[in-house]
PDB file of N, CA and C in Angstrom:
ATOM      1  N   MET A   1     -44.210 -53.224 -45.181  1.00  0.00           N
ATOM      2  CA  MET A   1     -44.921 -52.317 -43.778  1.00  0.00           C
ATOM      3  C   MET A   1     -43.391 -53.228 -42.517  1.00  0.00           C
ATOM      4  N   SER A   2     -43.043 -52.508 -41.648  1.00  0.00           N
ATOM      5  CA  SER A   2     -42.043 -52.971 -40.954  1.00  0.00           C
ATOM      6  C   SER A   2     -42.905 -53.522 -39.704  1.00  0.00           C
ATOM      7  N   ALA A   3     -41.668 -54.213 -38.987  1.00  0.00           N
ATOM      8  CA  ALA A   3     -42.640 -55.313 -38.130  1.00  0.00           C
ATOM      9  C   ALA A   3     -43.384 -54.199 -37.290  1.00  0.00           C
ATOM     10  N   ALA A   4     -42.487 -53.623 -36.667  1.00  0.00           N
ATOM     11  CA  ALA A   4     -43.178 -52.634 -35.552  1.00  0.00           C
ATOM     12  C   ALA A   4     -43.540 -51.956 -36.315  1.00  0.00           C
ATOM     13  N   ALA A   5     -44.148 -51.563 -37.508  1.00  0.00           N
ATOM     14  CA  ALA A   5     -45.382 -50.952 -37.252  1.00  0.00           C
ATOM     15  C   ALA A   5     -46.817 -52.177 -38.144  1.00  0.00           C
ATOM     16  N   HIS A   6     -46.586 -53.189 -38.368  1.00  0.00           N
ATOM     17  CA  HIS A   6     -47.336 -54.344 -38.984  1.00  0.00           C
ATOM     18  C   HIS A   6     -47.802 -54.763 -36.956  1.00  0.00           C
ATOM     19  N   GLU A   7     -47.259 -55.223 -36.541  1.00  0.00           N
ATOM     20  CA  GLU A   7     -47.743 -54.660 -34.937  1.00  0.00           C
ATOM     21  C   GLU A   7     -48.260 -53.748 -34.246  1.00  0.00           C
ATOM     22  N   SER A   8     -47.853 -52.846 -34.646  1.00  0.00           N
ATOM     23  CA  SER A   8     -49.122 -51.664 -34.250  1.00  0.00           C
ATOM     24  C   SER A   8     -50.201 -51.590 -34.644  1.00  0.00           C
ATOM     25  N   SER A   9     -49.972 -52.290 -36.216  1.00  0.00           N
ATOM     26  CA  SER A   9     -51.442 -51.656 -36.664  1.00  0.00           C
ATOM     27  C   SER A   9     -52.009 -52.997 -36.333  1.00  0.00           C
ATOM     28  N   SER A  10     -52.160 -53.856 -36.164  1.00  0.00           N
ATOM     29  CA  SER A  10     -52.260 -54.992 -35.240  1.00  0.00           C
ATOM     30  C   SER A  10     -53.067 -54.326 -33.955  1.00  0.00           C
ATOM     31  N   ALA A  11     -52.449 -54.446 -33.325  1.00  0.00           N
ATOM     32  CA  ALA A  11     -52.720 -54.049 -32.134  1.00  0.00           C
ATOM     33  C   ALA A  11     -54.098 -52.813 -32.229  1.00  0.00           C
ATOM     34  N   VAL A  12     -54.296 -52.272 -32.873  1.00  0.00           N
ATOM     35  CA  VAL A  12     -55.410 -50.609 -32.563  1.00  0.00           C
ATOM     36  C   VAL A  12     -56.147 -51.407 -33.685  1.00  0.00           C
ATOM     37  N   GLU A  13     -56.109 -52.520 -33.990  1.00  0.00           N
ATOM     38  CA  GLU A  13     -57.519 -53.246 -35.030  1.00  0.00           C
ATOM     39  C   GLU A  13     -57.987 -54.218 -34.211  1.00  0.00           C
ATOM     40  N   ALA A  14     -57.210 -55.024 -33.256  1.00  0.00           N
ATOM     41  CA  ALA A  14     -57.582 -55.755 -32.246  1.00  0.00           C
ATOM     42  C   ALA A  14     -58.276 -55.076 -30.815  1.00  0.00           C
ATOM     43  N   SER A  15     -57.825 -53.729 -30.785  1.00  0.00           N
ATOM     44  CA  SER A  15     -58.327 -52.829 -29.861  1.00  0.00           C
ATOM     45  C   SER A  15     -59.556 -52.781 -29.895  1.00  0.00           C
ATOM     46  N   ALA A  16     -59.499 -52.342 -31.892  1.00  0.00           N
ATOM     47  CA  ALA A  16     -61.682 -52.799 -32.381  1.00  0.00           C
ATOM     48  C   ALA A  16     -61.793 -52.809 -32.455  1.00  0.00           C
ATOM     49  N   LEU A  17     -61.884 -54.152 -31.523  1.00  0.00           N
ATOM     50  CA  LEU A  17     -63.450 -55.662 -31.245  1.00  0.00           C
ATOM     51  C   LEU A  17     -63.456 -54.897 -29.261  1.00  0.00           C
ATOM     52  N   SER A  18     -64.661 -55.256 -29.052  1.00  0.00           N
ATOM     53  CA  SER A  18     -65.458 -54.754 -28.162  1.00  0.00           C
ATOM     54  C   SER A  18     -64.385 -56.384 -27.156  1.00  0.00           C
ATOM     55  N   ALA A  19     -64.652 -56.239 -25.714  1.00  0.00           N
ATOM     56  CA  ALA A  19     -64.470 -57.138 -25.028  1.00  0.00           C
ATOM     57  C   ALA A  19     -65.380 -57.829 -24.983  1.00  0.00           C
ATOM     58  N   ARG A  20     -66.161 -58.057 -24.983  1.00  0.00           N
ATOM     59  CA  ARG A  20     -67.059 -59.798 -25.476  1.00  0.00           C
ATOM     60  C   ARG A  20     -67.103 -60.498 -27.123  1.00  0.00           C
ATOM     61  N   ASP A  21     -66.457 -59.546 -28.140  1.00  0.00           N
ATOM     62  CA  ASP A  21     -66.081 -59.861 -28.810  1.00  0.00           C
ATOM     63  C   ASP A  21     -64.614 -60.578 -28.311  1.00  0.00           C
ATOM     64  N   ARG A  22     -64.396 -60.334 -28.063  1.00  0.00           N
ATOM     65  CA  ARG A  22     -62.429 -60.805 -28.291  1.00  0.00           C
ATOM     66  C   ARG A  22     -62.545 -61.920 -26.978  1.00  0.00           C
ATOM     67  N   GLU A  23     -63.784 -62.332 -26.513  1.00  0.00           N
ATOM     68  CA  GLU A  23     -64.364 -63.544 -25.306  1.00  0.00           C
ATOM     69  C   GLU A  23     -64.450 -64.235 -26.196  1.00  0.00           C
ATOM     70  N   ILE A  24     -65.233 -63.948 -27.215  1.00  0.00           N
ATOM     71  CA  ILE A  24     -65.704 -65.099 -28.186  1.00  0.00           C
ATOM     72  C   ILE A  24     -65.161 -65.576 -28.628  1.00  0.00           C
ATOM     73  N   LEU A  25     -63.640 -65.001 -29.088  1.00  0.00           N
ATOM     74  CA  LEU A  25     -62.969 -65.832 -30.440  1.00  0.00           C
ATOM     75  C   LEU A  25     -62.090 -66.162 -29.420  1.00  0.00           C
ATOM     76  N   ASP A  26     -62.081 -66.142 -28.059  1.00  0.00           N
ATOM     77  CA  ASP A  26     -60.899 -67.284 -27.557  1.00  0.00           C
ATOM     78  C   ASP A  26     -61.417 -68.118 -26.306  1.00  0.00           C
ATOM     79  N   PHE A  27     -62.756 -67.897 -26.176  1.00  0.00           N
ATOM     80  CA  PHE A  27     -63.812 -69.499 -25.962  1.00  0.00           C
ATOM     81  C   PHE A  27     -63.254 -70.304 -27.673  1.00  0.00           C
ATOM     82  N   GLU A  28     -63.675 -69.588 -28.263  1.00  0.00           N
ATOM     83  CA  GLU A  28     -63.926 -70.787 -29.456  1.00  0.00           C
ATOM     84  C   GLU A  28     -62.948 -71.119 -30.313  1.00  0.00           C
ATOM     85  N   ASP A  29     -61.278 -70.669 -29.316  1.00  0.00           N
ATOM     86  CA  ASP A  29     -60.279 -70.946 -29.603  1.00  0.00           C
ATOM     87  C   ASP A  29     -59.938 -72.033 -28.430  1.00  0.00           C
ATOM     88  N   SER A  30     -60.778 -72.403 -28.124  1.00  0.00           N
ATOM     89  CA  SER A  30     -60.194 -73.101 -26.814  1.00  0.00           C
ATOM     90  C   SER A  30     -61.790 -73.742 -26.161  1.00  0.00           C
ATOM     91  N   TRP A  31     -63.149 -73.715 -26.661  1.00  0.00           N
ATOM     92  CA  TRP A  31     -64.152 -74.112 -25.787  1.00  0.00           C
ATOM     93  C   TRP A  31     -63.812 -75.694 -25.815  1.00  0.00           C
ATOM     94  N   TRP A  32     -63.213 -76.610 -26.251  1.00  0.00           N
ATOM     95  CA  TRP A  32     -63.208 -78.264 -25.894  1.00  0.00           C
ATOM     96  C   TRP A  32     -62.757 -78.116 -24.674  1.00  0.00           C
ATOM     97  N   ALA A  33     -61.859 -76.909 -23.855  1.00  0.00           N
ATOM     98  CA  ALA A  33     -61.080 -77.541 -22.561  1.00  0.00           C
ATOM     99  C   ALA A  33     -62.672 -76.786 -21.431  1.00  0.00           C
ATOM    100  N   ALA A  34     -63.762 -76.552 -21.956  1.00  0.00           N
ATOM    101  CA  ALA A  34     -64.340 -76.041 -20.546  1.00  0.00           C
ATOM    102  C   ALA A  34     -65.208 -77.707 -20.477  1.00  0.00           C
ATOM    103  N   PRO A  35     -65.146 -77.550 -19.476  1.00  0.00           N
ATOM    104  CA  PRO A  35     -66.123 -78.512 -18.510  1.00  0.00           C
ATOM    105  C   PRO A  35     -66.790 -78.636 -18.588  1.00  0.00           C
ATOM    106  N   GLN A  36     -68.361 -77.929 -18.980  1.00  0.00           N
ATOM    107  CA  GLN A  36     -69.812 -78.128 -19.882  1.00  0.00           C
ATOM    108  C   GLN A  36     -69.444 -79.066 -21.284  1.00  0.00           C
ATOM    109  N   GLY A  37     -70.333 -79.048 -21.926  1.00  0.00           N
ATOM    110  CA  GLY A  37     -70.944 -79.219 -23.100  1.00  0.00           C
ATOM    111  C   GLY A  37     -70.616 -78.095 -23.550  1.00  0.00           C
ATOM    112  N   LYS A  38     -70.455 -77.882 -25.163  1.00  0.00           N
ATOM    113  CA  LYS A  38     -70.358 -76.081 -25.862  1.00  0.00           C
ATOM    114  C   LYS A  38     -71.708 -74.944 -25.562  1.00  0.00           C
ATOM    115  N   GLU A  39     -72.884 -75.653 -25.702  1.00  0.00           N
ATOM    116  CA  GLU A  39     -74.045 -74.834 -25.636  1.00  0.00           C
ATOM    117  C   GLU A  39     -74.516 -74.747 -24.431  1.00  0.00           C
ATOM    118  N   ALA A  40     -73.313 -75.080 -23.423  1.00  0.00           N
ATOM    119  CA  ALA A  40     -74.295 -74.901 -22.198  1.00  0.00           C
ATOM    120  C   ALA A  40     -72.926 -74.296 -21.403  1.00  0.00           C
ATOM    121  N   GLU A  41     -71.801 -73.915 -21.359  1.00  0.00           N
ATOM    122  CA  GLU A  41     -71.077 -73.050 -22.488  1.00  0.00           C
ATOM    123  C   GLU A  41     -70.875 -71.807 -22.486  1.00  0.00           C
ATOM    124  N   ILE A  42     -71.859 -71.688 -24.223  1.00  0.00           N
ATOM    125  CA  ILE A  42     -72.263 -70.546 -24.305  1.00  0.00           C
ATOM    126  C   ILE A  42     -72.735 -69.430 -23.549  1.00  0.00           C
ATOM    127  N   MET A  43     -74.019 -70.527 -23.728  1.00  0.00           N
ATOM    128  CA  MET A  43     -75.237 -69.711 -22.720  1.00  0.00           C
ATOM    129  C   MET A  43     -74.761 -69.594 -20.999  1.00  0.00           C
ATOM    130  N   GLU A  44     -73.693 -70.067 -20.323  1.00  0.00           N
ATOM    131  CA  GLU A  44     -73.554 -69.473 -18.805  1.00  0.00           C
ATOM    132  C   GLU A  44     -72.379 -68.198 -19.155  1.00  0.00           C
ATOM    133  N   ARG A  45     -71.343 -67.655 -20.193  1.00  0.00           N
ATOM    134  CA  ARG A  45     -70.271 -66.862 -20.099  1.00  0.00           C
ATOM    135  C   ARG A  45     -71.066 -66.046 -21.191  1.00  0.00           C
ATOM    136  N   PHE A  46     -71.953 -66.178 -21.915  1.00  0.00           N
ATOM    137  CA  PHE A  46     -72.630 -65.071 -23.226  1.00  0.00           C
ATOM    138  C   PHE A  46     -74.017 -64.760 -22.913  1.00  0.00           C
ATOM    139  N   SER A  47     -74.698 -65.777 -22.167  1.00  0.00           N
ATOM    140  CA  SER A  47     -75.588 -65.591 -22.198  1.00  0.00           C
ATOM    141  C   SER A  47     -77.059 -65.414 -22.756  1.00  0.00           C
ATOM    142  N   VAL A  48     -76.851 -66.112 -24.375  1.00  0.00           N
ATOM    143  CA  VAL A  48     -77.503 -66.278 -25.934  1.00  0.00           C
ATOM    144  C   VAL A  48     -77.049 -67.233 -25.849  1.00  0.00           C
ATOM    145  N   SER A  49     -78.097 -68.239 -26.764  1.00  0.00           N
ATOM    146  CA  SER A  49     -78.423 -69.158 -27.171  1.00  0.00           C
ATOM    147  C   SER A  49     -77.585 -69.101 -28.023  1.00  0.00           C
ATOM    148  N   SER A  50     -77.052 -70.822 -28.635  1.00  0.00           N
ATOM    149  CA  SER A  50     -76.412 -71.619 -29.446  1.00  0.00           C
ATOM    150  C   SER A  50     -76.289 -70.361 -30.512  1.00  0.00           C
ATOM    151  N   ALA A  51     -77.473 -70.496 -31.107  1.00  0.00           N
ATOM    152  CA  ALA A  51     -78.163 -69.712 -32.504  1.00  0.00           C
ATOM    153  C   ALA A  51     -77.242 -68.416 -32.652  1.00  0.00           C
ATOM    154  N   VAL A  52     -77.566 -67.536 -31.744  1.00  0.00           N
ATOM    155  CA  VAL A  52     -77.274 -66.285 -31.542  1.00  0.00           C
ATOM    156  C   VAL A  52     -75.336 -65.830 -31.450  1.00  0.00           C
ATOM    157  N   TYR A  53     -74.912 -66.656 -30.400  1.00  0.00           N
ATOM    158  CA  TYR A  53     -73.300 -67.067 -30.578  1.00  0.00           C
ATOM    159  C   TYR A  53     -73.027 -67.268 -31.261  1.00  0.00           C
ATOM    160  N   HIS A  54     -73.340 -68.367 -32.978  1.00  0.00           N
ATOM    161  CA  HIS A  54     -72.741 -68.255 -34.250  1.00  0.00           C
ATOM    162  C   HIS A  54     -72.846 -67.583 -34.645  1.00  0.00           C
ATOM    163  N   GLN A  55     -74.566 -67.044 -34.789  1.00  0.00           N
ATOM    164  CA  GLN A  55     -74.776 -65.210 -35.320  1.00  0.00           C
ATOM    165  C   GLN A  55     -73.455 -64.765 -35.845  1.00  0.00           C
ATOM    166  N   ILE A  56     -72.828 -64.055 -33.873  1.00  0.00           N
ATOM    167  CA  ILE A  56     -71.607 -62.880 -34.288  1.00  0.00           C
ATOM    168  C   ILE A  56     -70.194 -64.129 -34.320  1.00  0.00           C
ATOM    169  N   LEU A  57     -70.430 -65.346 -34.086  1.00  0.00           N
ATOM    170  CA  LEU A  57     -69.439 -65.700 -34.120  1.00  0.00           C
ATOM    171  C   LEU A  57     -69.170 -65.339 -36.270  1.00  0.00           C
ATOM    172  N   ASN A  58     -70.212 -65.930 -36.614  1.00  0.00           N
ATOM    173  CA  ASN A  58     -69.956 -65.102 -38.291  1.00  0.00           C
ATOM    174  C   ASN A  58     -69.532 -64.313 -38.529  1.00  0.00           C
ATOM    175  N   ARG A  59     -70.255 -63.010 -37.914  1.00  0.00           N
ATOM    176  CA  ARG A  59     -70.087 -61.619 -37.802  1.00  0.00           C
ATOM    177  C   ARG A  59     -68.546 -61.609 -37.684  1.00  0.00           C
ATOM    178  N   LEU A  60     -67.995 -62.628 -36.744  1.00  0.00           N
ATOM    179  CA  LEU A  60     -66.575 -61.577 -36.847  1.00  0.00           C
ATOM    180  C   LEU A  60     -65.067 -62.142 -37.633  1.00  0.00           C
ATOM    181  N   LEU A  61     -66.107 -63.046 -37.978  1.00  0.00           N
ATOM    182  CA  LEU A  61     -65.263 -63.609 -39.204  1.00  0.00           C
ATOM    183  C   LEU A  61     -64.729 -62.545 -40.581  1.00  0.00           C
ATOM    184  N   ASP A  62     -65.400 -61.995 -40.471  1.00  0.00           N
ATOM    185  CA  ASP A  62     -65.550 -60.564 -41.701  1.00  0.00           C
ATOM    186  C   ASP A  62     -64.514 -59.466 -41.162  1.00  0.00           C
ATOM    187  N   ASP A  63     -64.491 -59.613 -39.329  1.00  0.00           N
ATOM    188  CA  ASP A  63     -64.247 -58.378 -39.415  1.00  0.00           C
ATOM    189  C   ASP A  63     -63.010 -58.510 -39.264  1.00  0.00           C
ATOM    190  N   PRO A  64     -61.672 -57.102 -39.825  1.00  0.00           N
ATOM    191  CA  PRO A  64     -60.717 -57.488 -40.118  1.00  0.00           C
ATOM    192  C   PRO A  64     -59.350 -57.185 -38.471  1.00  0.00           C
ATOM    193  N   ALA A  65     -60.352 -56.952 -37.789  1.00  0.00           N
ATOM    194  CA  ALA A  65     -59.960 -56.891 -35.769  1.00  0.00           C
ATOM    195  C   ALA A  65     -60.056 -58.193 -35.364  1.00  0.00           C
ATOM    196  N   ALA A  66     -61.084 -59.014 -35.794  1.00  0.00           N
ATOM    197  CA  ALA A  66     -61.074 -60.311 -35.141  1.00  0.00           C
ATOM    198  C   ALA A  66     -59.818 -61.307 -35.778  1.00  0.00           C
ATOM    199  N   LEU A  67     -59.440 -60.968 -37.485  1.00  0.00           N
ATOM    200  CA  LEU A  67     -58.843 -61.600 -38.071  1.00  0.00           C
ATOM    201  C   LEU A  67     -57.157 -61.303 -37.072  1.00  0.00           C
ATOM    202  N   ALA A  68     -56.617 -59.629 -36.605  1.00  0.00           N
ATOM    203  CA  ALA A  68     -55.561 -59.469 -36.478  1.00  0.00           C
ATOM    204  C   ALA A  68     -55.699 -59.836 -34.763  1.00  0.00           C
ATOM    205  N   HIS A  69     -56.786 -59.952 -34.320  1.00  0.00           N
ATOM    206  CA  HIS A  69     -56.171 -60.819 -32.962  1.00  0.00           C
ATOM    207  C   HIS A  69     -56.539 -62.348 -32.113  1.00  0.00           C
ATOM    208  N   LYS A  70     -56.901 -62.979 -33.763  1.00  0.00           N
ATOM    209  CA  LYS A  70     -56.720 -64.329 -33.656  1.00  0.00           C
ATOM    210  C   LYS A  70     -56.833 -64.665 -35.467  1.00  0.00           C
ATOM    211  N   PRO A  71     -55.474 -64.483 -36.082  1.00  0.00           N
ATOM    212  CA  PRO A  71     -55.635 -65.501 -37.353  1.00  0.00           C
ATOM    213  C   PRO A  71     -55.853 -66.458 -37.131  1.00  0.00           C
ATOM    214  N   LEU A  72     -54.596 -67.700 -36.745  1.00  0.00           N
ATOM    215  CA  LEU A  72     -55.312 -68.938 -36.994  1.00  0.00           C
ATOM    216  C   LEU A  72     -56.713 -68.665 -36.838  1.00  0.00           C
ATOM    217  N   LEU A  73     -57.142 -68.746 -35.859  1.00  0.00           N
ATOM    218  CA  LEU A  73     -58.596 -69.120 -35.362  1.00  0.00           C
ATOM    219  C   LEU A  73     -59.069 -69.063 -37.043  1.00  0.00           C
ATOM    220  N   VAL A  74     -59.488 -67.464 -37.003  1.00  0.00           N
ATOM    221  CA  VAL A  74     -60.402 -66.595 -38.391  1.00  0.00           C
ATOM    222  C   VAL A  74     -59.704 -68.003 -39.539  1.00  0.00           C
ATOM    223  N   LYS A  75     -58.502 -67.233 -39.472  1.00  0.00           N
ATOM    224  CA  LYS A  75     -58.166 -67.980 -40.992  1.00  0.00           C
ATOM    225  C   LYS A  75     -58.909 -69.230 -41.550  1.00  0.00           C
ATOM    226  N   ARG A  76     -58.872 -70.627 -40.273  1.00  0.00           N
ATOM    227  CA  ARG A  76     -59.165 -71.589 -40.456  1.00  0.00           C
ATOM    228  C   ARG A  76     -61.274 -70.417 -40.336  1.00  0.00           C
ATOM    229  N   LEU A  77     -61.806 -70.549 -39.636  1.00  0.00           N
ATOM    230  CA  LEU A  77     -63.303 -70.802 -39.958  1.00  0.00           C
ATOM    231  C   LEU A  77     -63.388 -70.624 -40.591  1.00  0.00           C
ATOM    232  N   ARG A  78     -63.316 -69.924 -41.956  1.00  0.00           N
ATOM    233  CA  ARG A  78     -63.705 -68.775 -42.651  1.00  0.00           C
ATOM    234  C   ARG A  78     -63.219 -69.709 -44.072  1.00  0.00           C
ATOM    235  N   ARG A  79     -62.339 -70.547 -43.633  1.00  0.00           N
ATOM    236  CA  ARG A  79     -62.008 -71.999 -44.822  1.00  0.00           C
ATOM    237  C   ARG A  79     -62.597 -73.247 -44.192  1.00  0.00           C
ATOM    238  N   LEU A  80     -63.652 -72.748 -43.356  1.00  0.00           N
ATOM    239  CA  LEU A  80     -64.890 -73.802 -43.198  1.00  0.00           C
ATOM    240  C   LEU A  80     -66.108 -73.332 -43.052  1.00  0.00           C
ATOM    241  N   ARG A  81     -66.812 -72.113 -43.144  1.00  0.00           N
ATOM    242  CA  ARG A  81     -67.694 -72.102 -43.401  1.00  0.00           C
ATOM    243  C   ARG A  81     -67.451 -72.386 -45.402  1.00  0.00           C
ATOM    244  N   SER A  82     -66.315 -71.232 -45.982  1.00  0.00           N
ATOM    245  CA  SER A  82     -67.041 -71.546 -47.234  1.00  0.00           C
ATOM    246  C   SER A  82     -66.612 -72.871 -47.683  1.00  0.00           C
ATOM    247  N   ALA A  83     -65.809 -73.459 -47.162  1.00  0.00           N
ATOM    248  CA  ALA A  83     -66.469 -75.226 -47.263  1.00  0.00           C
ATOM    249  C   ALA A  83     -68.326 -75.372 -47.421  1.00  0.00           C
ATOM    250  N   ARG A  84     -68.765 -75.171 -45.869  1.00  0.00           N
ATOM    251  CA  ARG A  84     -69.762 -75.473 -46.225  1.00  0.00           C
ATOM    252  C   ARG A  84     -71.130 -75.281 -47.027  1.00  0.00           C
ATOM    253  N   ARG A  85     -70.925 -74.058 -47.194  1.00  0.00           N
ATOM    254  CA  ARG A  85     -71.008 -72.822 -48.641  1.00  0.00           C
ATOM    255  C   ARG A  85     -70.603 -73.702 -49.847  1.00  0.00           C
ATOM    256  N   GLU A  86     -69.903 -74.358 -50.202  1.00  0.00           N
ATOM    257  CA  GLU A  86     -69.840 -74.820 -51.664  1.00  0.00           C
ATOM    258  C   GLU A  86     -70.478 -76.652 -51.482  1.00  0.00           C
ATOM    259  N   HIS A  87     -70.718 -76.959 -50.001  1.00  0.00           N
ATOM    260  CA  HIS A  87     -71.220 -77.701 -49.533  1.00  0.00           C
ATOM    261  C   HIS A  87     -72.741 -77.573 -50.466  1.00  0.00           C
ATOM    262  N   ARG A  88     -73.191 -77.205 -49.887  1.00  0.00           N
ATOM    263  CA  ARG A  88     -74.735 -76.223 -50.036  1.00  0.00           C
ATOM    264  C   ARG A  88     -74.833 -76.159 -51.181  1.00  0.00           C
ATOM    265  N   SER A  89     -73.493 -75.345 -51.633  1.00  0.00           N
ATOM    266  CA  SER A  89     -74.307 -74.868 -53.259  1.00  0.00           C
ATOM    267  C   SER A  89     -74.172 -76.149 -54.265  1.00  0.00           C
ATOM    268  N   ALA A  90     -73.047 -76.925 -53.805  1.00  0.00           N
ATOM    269  CA  ALA A  90     -73.628 -78.399 -54.933  1.00  0.00           C
ATOM    270  C   ALA A  90     -74.270 -79.299 -54.629  1.00  0.00           C
ATOM    271  N   GLY A  91     -74.881 -79.737 -53.259  1.00  0.00           N
ATOM    272  CA  GLY A  91     -76.061 -80.180 -53.204  1.00  0.00           C
ATOM    273  C   GLY A  91     -77.094 -79.657 -53.974  1.00  0.00           C
ATOM    274  N   ARG A  92     -77.327 -77.861 -53.596  1.00  0.00           N
ATOM    275  CA  ARG A  92     -78.818 -77.293 -54.596  1.00  0.00           C
ATOM    276  C   ARG A  92     -78.666 -78.116 -56.635  1.00  0.00           C
ATOM    277  N   LEU A  93     -77.220 -77.612 -56.869  1.00  0.00           N
ATOM    278  CA  LEU A  93     -77.185 -78.177 -58.247  1.00  0.00           C
ATOM    279  C   LEU A  93     -77.486 -79.547 -58.707  1.00  0.00           C
ATOM    280  N   ARG A  94     -77.329 -80.897 -57.277  1.00  0.00           N
ATOM    281  CA  ARG A  94     -77.662 -81.856 -58.259  1.00  0.00           C
ATOM    282  C   ARG A  94     -79.276 -81.827 -57.656  1.00  0.00           C
ATOM    283  N   THR A  95     -80.305 -81.291 -56.564  1.00  0.00           N
ATOM    284  CA  THR A  95     -81.190 -81.352 -56.717  1.00  0.00           C
ATOM    285  C   THR A  95     -82.197 -80.626 -57.400  1.00  0.00           C
ATOM    286  N   GLY A  96     -81.213 -79.921 -57.952  1.00  0.00           N
ATOM    287  CA  GLY A  96     -82.191 -78.581 -58.886  1.00  0.00           C
ATOM    288  C   GLY A  96     -82.554 -77.546 -58.447  1.00  0.00           C
ATOM    289  N   ARG A  97     -82.205 -77.093 -57.132  1.00  0.00           N
ATOM    290  CA  ARG A  97     -83.320 -76.102 -56.635  1.00  0.00           C
ATOM    291  C   ARG A  97     -82.664 -74.546 -56.998  1.00  0.00           C
TER     292      ARG A  97
END
């Protein structure tokens, strides 16, 4: 695929995200610069609880459009999610659950 075609494809995938989804990804990429704590910023910006925010974010990690919009962030968060799952699975194996 040529570079121009790839950029065009990425632009189409990124536009498939809602404005709110793009805002969530952009916020997650820079939340530490926010003047308040993360949970307060989530409530103020998105009017949802931290739990709902993280459910939305987790869903976005599996969306190709999110990957096109913020590839480094999405790949990093996928790795962290995978590591947490592996850690939980290893704990279950040790305890016999």
